[in-house]
């Protein structure tokens, strides 16, 4: 779940002057690359056809949606598998069976600008679809519904948000969780809010005792918990104050490409393939530690799959 970018980032995005990106290849993506300029004047499908490459934005620690497990150059995950279904649809649409894929690592802070300026063609990770972001990018039909909760040590005494009075809370910078908790920190009496650069760093701060709890989307907390030396020492608690829907991000105002993206995801839903895909990532052991998240499909997600939409609620 992530937030609308600060004004300075939006200005950077609009002038293609961002310097925040990191790429899984040998060189970082440049915002002076032709990619952004091409998409400004033509559609994403035209850009892909001309370059012979589709650029996929991915995360490195959004387990089990988009993350790096064993191969540092190959993301994996539930959202990534859906992303590859879109790639197959693009190959068919453009009659380009040999279409190349280039992966571009994105963060909570830079993912929206990199999609907006054309550096990344499609980002499927753990990005919340909300009204603020819809001003900058378009979203595919939703593929997951989440709630924000707390990860804490089993013996911490923290059971809900009301137990955070005078205590330190860590969350990931640029997320909707961060925005929510900063808006409510005074009424909750939180001692201090720490903003970490990514989910892995947030959990590390929790493990090192620098914070009493880690606030984030419930399924992402389950993913971080799975990486712990002893997952049973950690529990996910609290009544979620925020419910949101994840979608894939694409450049705003490109209906032809959006149609291809939406149709590819809807096809996975209508064929029933989504059920085996979900079980693979949420109800079976996953890399790198072969931990089972044991996260059954919610009724809300079942409803979303049966009637897909790209709304924020």
C-alpha atoms as a PDB file:
ATOM      1  CA  UNK A   1       0.000   0.000   0.000  1.00  0.00           C
ATOM      2  CA  UNK A   2       1.568   3.278  -0.975  1.00  0.00           C
ATOM      3  CA  UNK A   3       0.950   6.919  -1.007  1.00  0.00           C
ATOM      4  CA  UNK A   4       0.644   9.781  -3.384  1.00  0.00           C
ATOM      5  CA  UNK A   5       4.130  11.136  -4.008  1.00  0.00           C
ATOM      6  CA  UNK A   6       5.285  14.422  -2.495  1.00  0.00           C
ATOM      7  CA  UNK A   7       4.950  17.518  -4.685  1.00  0.00           C
ATOM      8  CA  UNK A   8       8.660  17.536  -5.398  1.00  0.00           C
ATOM      9  CA  UNK A   9       8.511  13.976  -6.736  1.00  0.00           C
ATOM     10  CA  UNK A  10       5.532  14.834  -8.927  1.00  0.00           C
ATOM     11  CA  UNK A  11       7.395  17.789 -10.385  1.00  0.00           C
ATOM     12  CA  UNK A  12      10.356  15.552 -11.047  1.00  0.00           C
ATOM     13  CA  UNK A  13       8.132  13.006 -12.725  1.00  0.00           C
ATOM     14  CA  UNK A  14       6.524  15.606 -14.956  1.00  0.00           C
ATOM     15  CA  UNK A  15       9.904  16.897 -16.103  1.00  0.00           C
ATOM     16  CA  UNK A  16      11.418  13.419 -16.381  1.00  0.00           C
ATOM     17  CA  UNK A  17      14.131  14.470 -13.951  1.00  0.00           C
ATOM     18  CA  UNK A  18      13.945  11.704 -11.376  1.00  0.00           C
ATOM     19  CA  UNK A  19      17.099  10.138 -10.060  1.00  0.00           C
ATOM     20  CA  UNK A  20      15.542   7.592  -7.727  1.00  0.00           C
ATOM     21  CA  UNK A  21      15.423   4.408  -9.719  1.00  0.00           C
ATOM     22  CA  UNK A  22      17.375   1.212  -9.374  1.00  0.00           C
ATOM     23  CA  UNK A  23      17.538  -1.534 -11.947  1.00  0.00           C
ATOM     24  CA  UNK A  24      18.202  -5.240 -11.596  1.00  0.00           C
ATOM     25  CA  UNK A  25      20.480  -5.035 -14.621  1.00  0.00           C
ATOM     26  CA  UNK A  26      24.027  -3.683 -14.851  1.00  0.00           C
ATOM     27  CA  UNK A  27      23.075  -0.027 -15.141  1.00  0.00           C
ATOM     28  CA  UNK A  28      20.357   1.957 -13.415  1.00  0.00           C
ATOM     29  CA  UNK A  29      17.520   3.235 -15.577  1.00  0.00           C
ATOM     30  CA  UNK A  30      17.969   6.769 -16.788  1.00  0.00           C
ATOM     31  CA  UNK A  31      15.086   9.168 -17.024  1.00  0.00           C
ATOM     32  CA  UNK A  32      16.793  10.591 -20.077  1.00  0.00           C
ATOM     33  CA  UNK A  33      16.285   7.267 -21.840  1.00  0.00           C
ATOM     34  CA  UNK A  34      14.123   7.349 -24.928  1.00  0.00           C
ATOM     35  CA  UNK A  35      11.497   5.180 -23.243  1.00  0.00           C
ATOM     36  CA  UNK A  36       9.845   8.005 -21.350  1.00  0.00           C
ATOM     37  CA  UNK A  37       9.925  10.334 -24.359  1.00  0.00           C
ATOM     38  CA  UNK A  38       8.388   7.723 -26.611  1.00  0.00           C
ATOM     39  CA  UNK A  39       5.488   7.009 -24.283  1.00  0.00           C
ATOM     40  CA  UNK A  40       4.799  10.715 -23.972  1.00  0.00           C
ATOM     41  CA  UNK A  41       4.047  10.851 -27.689  1.00  0.00           C
ATOM     42  CA  UNK A  42       2.702   7.362 -28.344  1.00  0.00           C
ATOM     43  CA  UNK A  43       1.027   4.437 -26.636  1.00  0.00           C
ATOM     44  CA  UNK A  44       2.802   1.869 -24.518  1.00  0.00           C
ATOM     45  CA  UNK A  45       2.136  -0.879 -27.067  1.00  0.00           C
ATOM     46  CA  UNK A  46       3.839   1.235 -29.757  1.00  0.00           C
ATOM     47  CA  UNK A  47       6.793   1.816 -27.469  1.00  0.00           C
ATOM     48  CA  UNK A  48       7.079  -1.912 -26.753  1.00  0.00           C
ATOM     49  CA  UNK A  49       6.796  -2.810 -30.429  1.00  0.00           C
ATOM     50  CA  UNK A  50       9.466  -0.336 -31.469  1.00  0.00           C
ATOM     51  CA  UNK A  51      11.911  -1.335 -28.746  1.00  0.00           C
ATOM     52  CA  UNK A  52      11.211  -5.075 -28.826  1.00  0.00           C
ATOM     53  CA  UNK A  53      11.231  -5.006 -25.019  1.00  0.00           C
ATOM     54  CA  UNK A  54       8.674  -4.632 -22.254  1.00  0.00           C
ATOM     55  CA  UNK A  55       9.923  -3.100 -19.007  1.00  0.00           C
ATOM     56  CA  UNK A  56       8.414  -4.629 -15.876  1.00  0.00           C
ATOM     57  CA  UNK A  57       8.602  -2.880 -12.536  1.00  0.00           C
ATOM     58  CA  UNK A  58       9.090  -5.227  -9.589  1.00  0.00           C
ATOM     59  CA  UNK A  59       9.772  -5.114  -5.862  1.00  0.00           C
ATOM     60  CA  UNK A  60      12.556  -6.889  -3.998  1.00  0.00           C
ATOM     61  CA  UNK A  61      10.827  -7.674  -0.685  1.00  0.00           C
ATOM     62  CA  UNK A  62       7.032  -7.611  -1.137  1.00  0.00           C
ATOM     63  CA  UNK A  63       6.512 -11.262  -0.228  1.00  0.00           C
ATOM     64  CA  UNK A  64       4.601 -13.065  -1.694  1.00  0.00           C
ATOM     65  CA  UNK A  65       3.613 -10.581  -4.405  1.00  0.00           C
ATOM     66  CA  UNK A  66       6.869  -9.467  -6.003  1.00  0.00           C
ATOM     67  CA  UNK A  67      10.260 -10.179  -4.486  1.00  0.00           C
ATOM     68  CA  UNK A  68      13.714 -11.624  -4.976  1.00  0.00           C
ATOM     69  CA  UNK A  69      14.211 -15.161  -3.667  1.00  0.00           C
ATOM     70  CA  UNK A  70      17.095 -17.223  -5.021  1.00  0.00           C
ATOM     71  CA  UNK A  71      18.038 -15.469  -8.269  1.00  0.00           C
ATOM     72  CA  UNK A  72      18.866 -11.750  -7.827  1.00  0.00           C
ATOM     73  CA  UNK A  73      17.953 -11.063 -11.448  1.00  0.00           C
ATOM     74  CA  UNK A  74      14.576 -12.821 -11.446  1.00  0.00           C
ATOM     75  CA  UNK A  75      11.634 -11.591  -9.364  1.00  0.00           C
ATOM     76  CA  UNK A  76       8.983 -14.074  -8.269  1.00  0.00           C
ATOM     77  CA  UNK A  77       5.572 -13.903  -6.648  1.00  0.00           C
ATOM     78  CA  UNK A  78       1.805 -13.897  -7.067  1.00  0.00           C
ATOM     79  CA  UNK A  79       1.647 -10.424  -8.643  1.00  0.00           C
ATOM     80  CA  UNK A  80       4.644 -11.247 -10.803  1.00  0.00           C
ATOM     81  CA  UNK A  81       2.931 -14.363 -12.156  1.00  0.00           C
ATOM     82  CA  UNK A  82      -0.048 -12.187 -13.132  1.00  0.00           C
ATOM     83  CA  UNK A  83       2.376  -9.718 -14.700  1.00  0.00           C
ATOM     84  CA  UNK A  84       3.810 -12.484 -16.876  1.00  0.00           C
ATOM     85  CA  UNK A  85       0.271 -13.346 -18.024  1.00  0.00           C
ATOM     86  CA  UNK A  86       0.053  -9.766 -19.282  1.00  0.00           C
ATOM     87  CA  UNK A  87       3.360 -10.212 -21.095  1.00  0.00           C
ATOM     88  CA  UNK A  88       1.925 -13.272 -22.854  1.00  0.00           C
ATOM     89  CA  UNK A  89      -1.101 -11.210 -23.898  1.00  0.00           C
ATOM     90  CA  UNK A  90       1.145  -8.423 -25.222  1.00  0.00           C
ATOM     91  CA  UNK A  91       3.149 -10.956 -27.224  1.00  0.00           C
ATOM     92  CA  UNK A  92      -0.053 -12.199 -28.814  1.00  0.00           C
ATOM     93  CA  UNK A  93      -1.444  -8.709 -29.384  1.00  0.00           C
ATOM     94  CA  UNK A  94       1.712  -7.518 -31.134  1.00  0.00           C
ATOM     95  CA  UNK A  95       2.537 -10.872 -32.751  1.00  0.00           C
ATOM     96  CA  UNK A  96       5.936 -10.768 -31.042  1.00  0.00           C
ATOM     97  CA  UNK A  97       6.638 -14.232 -29.571  1.00  0.00           C
ATOM     98  CA  UNK A  98      10.260 -13.257 -28.952  1.00  0.00           C
ATOM     99  CA  UNK A  99       9.428 -10.104 -26.994  1.00  0.00           C
ATOM    100  CA  UNK A 100      12.167  -9.399 -24.462  1.00  0.00           C
ATOM    101  CA  UNK A 101      11.593  -8.590 -20.810  1.00  0.00           C
ATOM    102  CA  UNK A 102      13.671  -6.072 -18.886  1.00  0.00           C
ATOM    103  CA  UNK A 103      13.200  -5.908 -15.134  1.00  0.00           C
ATOM    104  CA  UNK A 104      13.365  -2.592 -13.302  1.00  0.00           C
ATOM    105  CA  UNK A 105      13.516  -2.641  -9.515  1.00  0.00           C
ATOM    106  CA  UNK A 106      11.184  -0.059  -7.971  1.00  0.00           C
ATOM    107  CA  UNK A 107      10.626   1.160  -4.427  1.00  0.00           C
ATOM    108  CA  UNK A 108       7.666   2.529  -2.524  1.00  0.00           C
ATOM    109  CA  UNK A 109       8.929   6.043  -3.178  1.00  0.00           C
ATOM    110  CA  UNK A 110       9.824   5.932  -6.876  1.00  0.00           C
ATOM    111  CA  UNK A 111       7.381   3.444  -8.445  1.00  0.00           C
ATOM    112  CA  UNK A 112       4.673   5.953  -9.366  1.00  0.00           C
ATOM    113  CA  UNK A 113       7.058   8.448 -11.030  1.00  0.00           C
ATOM    114  CA  UNK A 114       8.794   5.659 -12.973  1.00  0.00           C
ATOM    115  CA  UNK A 115       5.473   4.464 -14.365  1.00  0.00           C
ATOM    116  CA  UNK A 116       4.295   8.010 -15.042  1.00  0.00           C
ATOM    117  CA  UNK A 117       7.371   9.008 -17.031  1.00  0.00           C
ATOM    118  CA  UNK A 118       7.455   5.829 -19.126  1.00  0.00           C
ATOM    119  CA  UNK A 119      10.594   4.265 -17.631  1.00  0.00           C
ATOM    120  CA  UNK A 120       8.477   1.308 -16.500  1.00  0.00           C
ATOM    121  CA  UNK A 121       5.687  -0.067 -18.705  1.00  0.00           C
ATOM    122  CA  UNK A 122       3.876  -2.084 -16.042  1.00  0.00           C
ATOM    123  CA  UNK A 123       4.295  -2.443 -12.279  1.00  0.00           C
ATOM    124  CA  UNK A 124       2.626  -5.341 -10.473  1.00  0.00           C
ATOM    125  CA  UNK A 125       3.616  -5.620  -6.845  1.00  0.00           C
ATOM    126  CA  UNK A 126       1.805  -4.461  -3.739  1.00  0.00           C
ATOM    127  CA  UNK A 127       0.554  -1.052  -4.839  1.00  0.00           C
ATOM    128  CA  UNK A 128      -2.764   0.199  -3.500  1.00  0.00           C
ATOM    129  CA  UNK A 129      -5.252   1.684  -5.936  1.00  0.00           C
ATOM    130  CA  UNK A 130      -6.564   4.928  -4.433  1.00  0.00           C
ATOM    131  CA  UNK A 131      -8.014   8.211  -5.669  1.00  0.00           C
ATOM    132  CA  UNK A 132      -4.806  10.166  -5.135  1.00  0.00           C
ATOM    133  CA  UNK A 133      -2.745   7.805  -7.234  1.00  0.00           C
ATOM    134  CA  UNK A 134      -5.403   7.703  -9.916  1.00  0.00           C
ATOM    135  CA  UNK A 135      -4.475  11.322 -10.657  1.00  0.00           C
ATOM    136  CA  UNK A 136      -1.015  10.159 -11.730  1.00  0.00           C
ATOM    137  CA  UNK A 137      -1.378   6.602 -13.069  1.00  0.00           C
ATOM    138  CA  UNK A 138      -4.021   4.117 -14.163  1.00  0.00           C
ATOM    139  CA  UNK A 139      -4.670   0.800 -12.456  1.00  0.00           C
ATOM    140  CA  UNK A 140      -5.649  -2.613 -13.718  1.00  0.00           C
ATOM    141  CA  UNK A 141      -8.543  -4.515 -12.254  1.00  0.00           C
ATOM    142  CA  UNK A 142      -7.723  -5.402  -8.663  1.00  0.00           C
ATOM    143  CA  UNK A 143      -5.932  -8.621  -7.755  1.00  0.00           C
ATOM    144  CA  UNK A 144      -5.852  -8.505  -3.949  1.00  0.00           C
ATOM    145  CA  UNK A 145      -7.604  -6.897  -0.982  1.00  0.00           C
ATOM    146  CA  UNK A 146      -5.738  -6.126   2.230  1.00  0.00           C
ATOM    147  CA  UNK A 147      -6.055  -4.568   5.670  1.00  0.00           C
ATOM    148  CA  UNK A 148      -3.381  -2.760   7.717  1.00  0.00           C
ATOM    149  CA  UNK A 149      -2.445  -4.481  10.989  1.00  0.00           C
ATOM    150  CA  UNK A 150       0.510  -4.853  13.349  1.00  0.00           C
ATOM    151  CA  UNK A 151       3.381  -7.326  13.511  1.00  0.00           C
ATOM    152  CA  UNK A 152       4.895  -7.637  16.955  1.00  0.00           C
ATOM    153  CA  UNK A 153       6.713 -10.041  19.262  1.00  0.00           C
ATOM    154  CA  UNK A 154       4.457 -12.632  20.856  1.00  0.00           C
ATOM    155  CA  UNK A 155       5.403 -11.352  24.334  1.00  0.00           C
ATOM    156  CA  UNK A 156       5.306  -7.608  23.540  1.00  0.00           C
ATOM    157  CA  UNK A 157       1.943  -6.968  25.139  1.00  0.00           C
ATOM    158  CA  UNK A 158       0.731  -5.212  21.984  1.00  0.00           C
ATOM    159  CA  UNK A 159      -2.689  -6.536  20.972  1.00  0.00           C
ATOM    160  CA  UNK A 160      -4.103  -3.573  19.038  1.00  0.00           C
ATOM    161  CA  UNK A 161      -3.364   0.024  18.051  1.00  0.00           C
ATOM    162  CA  UNK A 162      -4.521   1.291  21.453  1.00  0.00           C
ATOM    163  CA  UNK A 163      -1.543  -0.517  23.018  1.00  0.00           C
ATOM    164  CA  UNK A 164       0.992   1.682  21.183  1.00  0.00           C
ATOM    165  CA  UNK A 165       0.815   4.568  23.672  1.00  0.00           C
ATOM    166  CA  UNK A 166       4.318   5.801  24.431  1.00  0.00           C
ATOM    167  CA  UNK A 167       5.850   3.115  22.220  1.00  0.00           C
ATOM    168  CA  UNK A 168       7.789   3.218  18.968  1.00  0.00           C
ATOM    169  CA  UNK A 169       6.134   2.037  15.780  1.00  0.00           C
ATOM    170  CA  UNK A 170       7.897   1.329  12.499  1.00  0.00           C
ATOM    171  CA  UNK A 171       6.294   1.401   9.054  1.00  0.00           C
ATOM    172  CA  UNK A 172       7.558   1.608   5.492  1.00  0.00           C
ATOM    173  CA  UNK A 173       8.097   5.053   3.972  1.00  0.00           C
ATOM    174  CA  UNK A 174       5.775   6.103   1.165  1.00  0.00           C
ATOM    175  CA  UNK A 175       2.969   3.737   2.133  1.00  0.00           C
ATOM    176  CA  UNK A 176      -0.655   4.351   2.931  1.00  0.00           C
ATOM    177  CA  UNK A 177       0.048   2.765   6.306  1.00  0.00           C
ATOM    178  CA  UNK A 178       2.584   5.512   6.993  1.00  0.00           C
ATOM    179  CA  UNK A 179       0.130   8.215   6.009  1.00  0.00           C
ATOM    180  CA  UNK A 180      -2.668   6.801   8.134  1.00  0.00           C
ATOM    181  CA  UNK A 181      -0.593   6.363  11.267  1.00  0.00           C
ATOM    182  CA  UNK A 182       0.950   9.831  11.025  1.00  0.00           C
ATOM    183  CA  UNK A 183      -2.530  11.314  10.759  1.00  0.00           C
ATOM    184  CA  UNK A 184      -3.564   9.482  13.926  1.00  0.00           C
ATOM    185  CA  UNK A 185      -0.363   9.320  15.984  1.00  0.00           C
ATOM    186  CA  UNK A 186      -1.455  12.012  18.457  1.00  0.00           C
ATOM    187  CA  UNK A 187      -4.837  10.495  19.224  1.00  0.00           C
ATOM    188  CA  UNK A 188      -3.197   7.083  19.646  1.00  0.00           C
ATOM    189  CA  UNK A 189      -0.433   8.561  21.801  1.00  0.00           C
ATOM    190  CA  UNK A 190       2.349   6.827  19.874  1.00  0.00           C
ATOM    191  CA  UNK A 191       5.783   7.610  21.285  1.00  0.00           C
ATOM    192  CA  UNK A 192       7.578   7.742  17.929  1.00  0.00           C
ATOM    193  CA  UNK A 193       6.977   6.673  14.333  1.00  0.00           C
ATOM    194  CA  UNK A 194       9.970   5.381  12.387  1.00  0.00           C
ATOM    195  CA  UNK A 195       9.812   5.278   8.582  1.00  0.00           C
ATOM    196  CA  UNK A 196      12.019   2.572   7.069  1.00  0.00           C
ATOM    197  CA  UNK A 197      13.051   2.441   3.411  1.00  0.00           C
ATOM    198  CA  UNK A 198      11.356  -0.914   2.704  1.00  0.00           C
ATOM    199  CA  UNK A 199       9.493  -3.771   4.376  1.00  0.00           C
ATOM    200  CA  UNK A 200      12.661  -5.743   5.078  1.00  0.00           C
ATOM    201  CA  UNK A 201      14.241  -2.820   6.931  1.00  0.00           C
ATOM    202  CA  UNK A 202      11.003  -2.232   8.869  1.00  0.00           C
ATOM    203  CA  UNK A 203      10.996  -5.811  10.110  1.00  0.00           C
ATOM    204  CA  UNK A 204      14.711  -5.650  10.916  1.00  0.00           C
ATOM    205  CA  UNK A 205      14.065  -2.634  13.150  1.00  0.00           C
ATOM    206  CA  UNK A 206      11.305  -4.584  14.886  1.00  0.00           C
ATOM    207  CA  UNK A 207      13.553  -7.590  15.367  1.00  0.00           C
ATOM    208  CA  UNK A 208      16.366  -5.415  16.729  1.00  0.00           C
ATOM    209  CA  UNK A 209      14.072  -3.895  19.335  1.00  0.00           C
ATOM    210  CA  UNK A 210      14.047  -0.402  17.841  1.00  0.00           C
ATOM    211  CA  UNK A 211      10.249  -0.559  17.573  1.00  0.00           C
ATOM    212  CA  UNK A 212       7.490  -2.343  19.475  1.00  0.00           C
ATOM    213  CA  UNK A 213       5.433  -3.068  16.368  1.00  0.00           C
ATOM    214  CA  UNK A 214       5.520  -2.886  12.571  1.00  0.00           C
ATOM    215  CA  UNK A 215       2.422  -1.561  10.798  1.00  0.00           C
ATOM    216  CA  UNK A 216       1.738  -2.669   7.214  1.00  0.00           C
ATOM    217  CA  UNK A 217      -0.679  -4.626   5.021  1.00  0.00           C
ATOM    218  CA  UNK A 218      -1.563  -7.879   6.774  1.00  0.00           C
ATOM    219  CA  UNK A 219      -0.330 -10.155   3.997  1.00  0.00           C
ATOM    220  CA  UNK A 220       2.978  -8.276   3.692  1.00  0.00           C
ATOM    221  CA  UNK A 221       3.449  -8.691   7.428  1.00  0.00           C
ATOM    222  CA  UNK A 222       2.865 -12.413   6.972  1.00  0.00           C
ATOM    223  CA  UNK A 223       5.545 -12.391   4.298  1.00  0.00           C
ATOM    224  CA  UNK A 224       8.080 -10.677   6.543  1.00  0.00           C
ATOM    225  CA  UNK A 225       7.216 -12.965   9.443  1.00  0.00           C
ATOM    226  CA  UNK A 226       7.985 -15.954   7.212  1.00  0.00           C
ATOM    227  CA  UNK A 227      11.575 -14.729   6.830  1.00  0.00           C
ATOM    228  CA  UNK A 228      12.262 -14.648  10.571  1.00  0.00           C
ATOM    229  CA  UNK A 229      14.664 -17.132  12.148  1.00  0.00           C
ATOM    230  CA  UNK A 230      11.761 -18.337  14.301  1.00  0.00           C
ATOM    231  CA  UNK A 231       8.445 -17.180  12.778  1.00  0.00           C
ATOM    232  CA  UNK A 232       6.511 -18.480  15.782  1.00  0.00           C
ATOM    233  CA  UNK A 233       8.028 -15.703  17.920  1.00  0.00           C
ATOM    234  CA  UNK A 234       6.027 -13.105  15.971  1.00  0.00           C
ATOM    235  CA  UNK A 235       2.284 -12.469  15.733  1.00  0.00           C
ATOM    236  CA  UNK A 236       0.015 -10.327  13.561  1.00  0.00           C
ATOM    237  CA  UNK A 237      -2.505  -8.454  15.715  1.00  0.00           C
ATOM    238  CA  UNK A 238      -4.959  -5.595  15.708  1.00  0.00           C
ATOM    239  CA  UNK A 239      -8.214  -4.579  14.052  1.00  0.00           C
ATOM    240  CA  UNK A 240      -7.481  -3.139  10.630  1.00  0.00           C
ATOM    241  CA  UNK A 241      -8.362   0.572  10.296  1.00  0.00           C
ATOM    242  CA  UNK A 242      -7.607   0.561   6.554  1.00  0.00           C
ATOM    243  CA  UNK A 243      -8.877  -1.751   3.785  1.00  0.00           C
ATOM    244  CA  UNK A 244      -7.440  -1.404   0.284  1.00  0.00           C
ATOM    245  CA  UNK A 245      -7.181  -3.081  -3.113  1.00  0.00           C
ATOM    246  CA  UNK A 246      -3.949  -3.822  -4.989  1.00  0.00           C
ATOM    247  CA  UNK A 247      -3.707  -3.348  -8.743  1.00  0.00           C
ATOM    248  CA  UNK A 248      -1.060  -3.221 -11.450  1.00  0.00           C
ATOM    249  CA  UNK A 249       0.044   0.292 -12.383  1.00  0.00           C
ATOM    250  CA  UNK A 250       0.371   1.578 -15.952  1.00  0.00           C
ATOM    251  CA  UNK A 251       0.792   4.934 -17.614  1.00  0.00           C
ATOM    252  CA  UNK A 252      -2.259   7.177 -17.354  1.00  0.00           C
ATOM    253  CA  UNK A 253      -4.408   7.758 -20.436  1.00  0.00           C
ATOM    254  CA  UNK A 254      -3.457   4.645 -22.433  1.00  0.00           C
ATOM    255  CA  UNK A 255      -6.766   2.757 -22.865  1.00  0.00           C
ATOM    256  CA  UNK A 256      -5.442   0.323 -25.485  1.00  0.00           C
ATOM    257  CA  UNK A 257      -2.701  -0.990 -23.214  1.00  0.00           C
ATOM    258  CA  UNK A 258      -5.010  -0.985 -20.192  1.00  0.00           C
ATOM    259  CA  UNK A 259      -7.474  -3.151 -22.114  1.00  0.00           C
ATOM    260  CA  UNK A 260      -4.755  -5.731 -22.797  1.00  0.00           C
ATOM    261  CA  UNK A 261      -3.712  -5.709 -19.127  1.00  0.00           C
ATOM    262  CA  UNK A 262      -7.256  -6.006 -17.785  1.00  0.00           C
ATOM    263  CA  UNK A 263      -8.275  -8.719 -20.249  1.00  0.00           C
ATOM    264  CA  UNK A 264      -5.205 -10.801 -19.379  1.00  0.00           C
ATOM    265  CA  UNK A 265      -5.972 -10.682 -15.653  1.00  0.00           C
ATOM    266  CA  UNK A 266      -9.695 -11.297 -16.161  1.00  0.00           C
ATOM    267  CA  UNK A 267      -8.848 -14.335 -18.291  1.00  0.00           C
ATOM    268  CA  UNK A 268      -6.874 -15.816 -15.389  1.00  0.00           C
ATOM    269  CA  UNK A 269      -9.918 -15.249 -13.183  1.00  0.00           C
ATOM    270  CA  UNK A 270     -12.541 -16.662 -15.550  1.00  0.00           C
ATOM    271  CA  UNK A 271     -10.488 -19.767 -16.364  1.00  0.00           C
ATOM    272  CA  UNK A 272     -10.118 -20.607 -12.674  1.00  0.00           C
ATOM    273  CA  UNK A 273      -6.313 -20.542 -12.974  1.00  0.00           C
ATOM    274  CA  UNK A 274      -6.266 -17.881 -10.268  1.00  0.00           C
ATOM    275  CA  UNK A 275      -7.170 -20.540  -7.691  1.00  0.00           C
ATOM    276  CA  UNK A 276      -4.050 -22.637  -8.282  1.00  0.00           C
ATOM    277  CA  UNK A 277      -1.955 -19.464  -8.545  1.00  0.00           C
ATOM    278  CA  UNK A 278      -3.268 -18.280  -5.185  1.00  0.00           C
ATOM    279  CA  UNK A 279      -2.641 -21.638  -3.489  1.00  0.00           C
ATOM    280  CA  UNK A 280       0.916 -21.652  -4.858  1.00  0.00           C
ATOM    281  CA  UNK A 281       1.829 -18.401  -3.101  1.00  0.00           C
ATOM    282  CA  UNK A 282      -0.444 -18.226  -0.060  1.00  0.00           C
ATOM    283  CA  UNK A 283      -1.162 -21.803   1.001  1.00  0.00           C
ATOM    284  CA  UNK A 284       1.973 -23.747   0.088  1.00  0.00           C
ATOM    285  CA  UNK A 285       5.670 -23.415   1.005  1.00  0.00           C
ATOM    286  CA  UNK A 286       7.318 -20.577  -0.931  1.00  0.00           C
ATOM    287  CA  UNK A 287      10.941 -19.582  -1.488  1.00  0.00           C
ATOM    288  CA  UNK A 288      13.404 -18.698  -0.184  1.00  0.00           C
ATOM    289  CA  UNK A 289      12.740 -20.500   3.147  1.00  0.00           C
ATOM    290  CA  UNK A 290       9.860 -22.737   2.040  1.00  0.00           C
ATOM    291  CA  UNK A 291       7.549 -21.253   4.674  1.00  0.00           C
ATOM    292  CA  UNK A 292       3.800 -21.639   4.239  1.00  0.00           C
ATOM    293  CA  UNK A 293       1.975 -18.326   4.844  1.00  0.00           C
ATOM    294  CA  UNK A 294      -1.283 -20.206   5.519  1.00  0.00           C
ATOM    295  CA  UNK A 295      -3.313 -17.258   4.264  1.00  0.00           C
ATOM    296  CA  UNK A 296      -6.632 -18.582   2.836  1.00  0.00           C
ATOM    297  CA  UNK A 297      -8.414 -16.535   0.199  1.00  0.00           C
ATOM    298  CA  UNK A 298     -10.753 -14.008   1.810  1.00  0.00           C
ATOM    299  CA  UNK A 299     -14.394 -13.616   0.896  1.00  0.00           C
ATOM    300  CA  UNK A 300     -13.591 -10.083  -0.251  1.00  0.00           C
ATOM    301  CA  UNK A 301     -11.016 -11.363  -2.730  1.00  0.00           C
ATOM    302  CA  UNK A 302     -13.389 -14.060  -3.962  1.00  0.00           C
ATOM    303  CA  UNK A 303     -15.936 -11.316  -4.677  1.00  0.00           C
ATOM    304  CA  UNK A 304     -13.330  -9.220  -6.489  1.00  0.00           C
ATOM    305  CA  UNK A 305     -12.346 -12.179  -8.667  1.00  0.00           C
ATOM    306  CA  UNK A 306     -15.954 -12.963  -9.532  1.00  0.00           C
ATOM    307  CA  UNK A 307     -16.686  -9.341 -10.460  1.00  0.00           C
ATOM    308  CA  UNK A 308     -13.338  -7.665 -11.281  1.00  0.00           C
ATOM    309  CA  UNK A 309     -13.102  -3.874 -11.282  1.00  0.00           C
ATOM    310  CA  UNK A 310     -10.476  -1.121 -11.135  1.00  0.00           C
ATOM    311  CA  UNK A 311     -12.095   1.009  -8.427  1.00  0.00           C
ATOM    312  CA  UNK A 312     -10.276   1.845  -5.227  1.00  0.00           C
ATOM    313  CA  UNK A 313     -13.025   0.253  -3.101  1.00  0.00           C
END
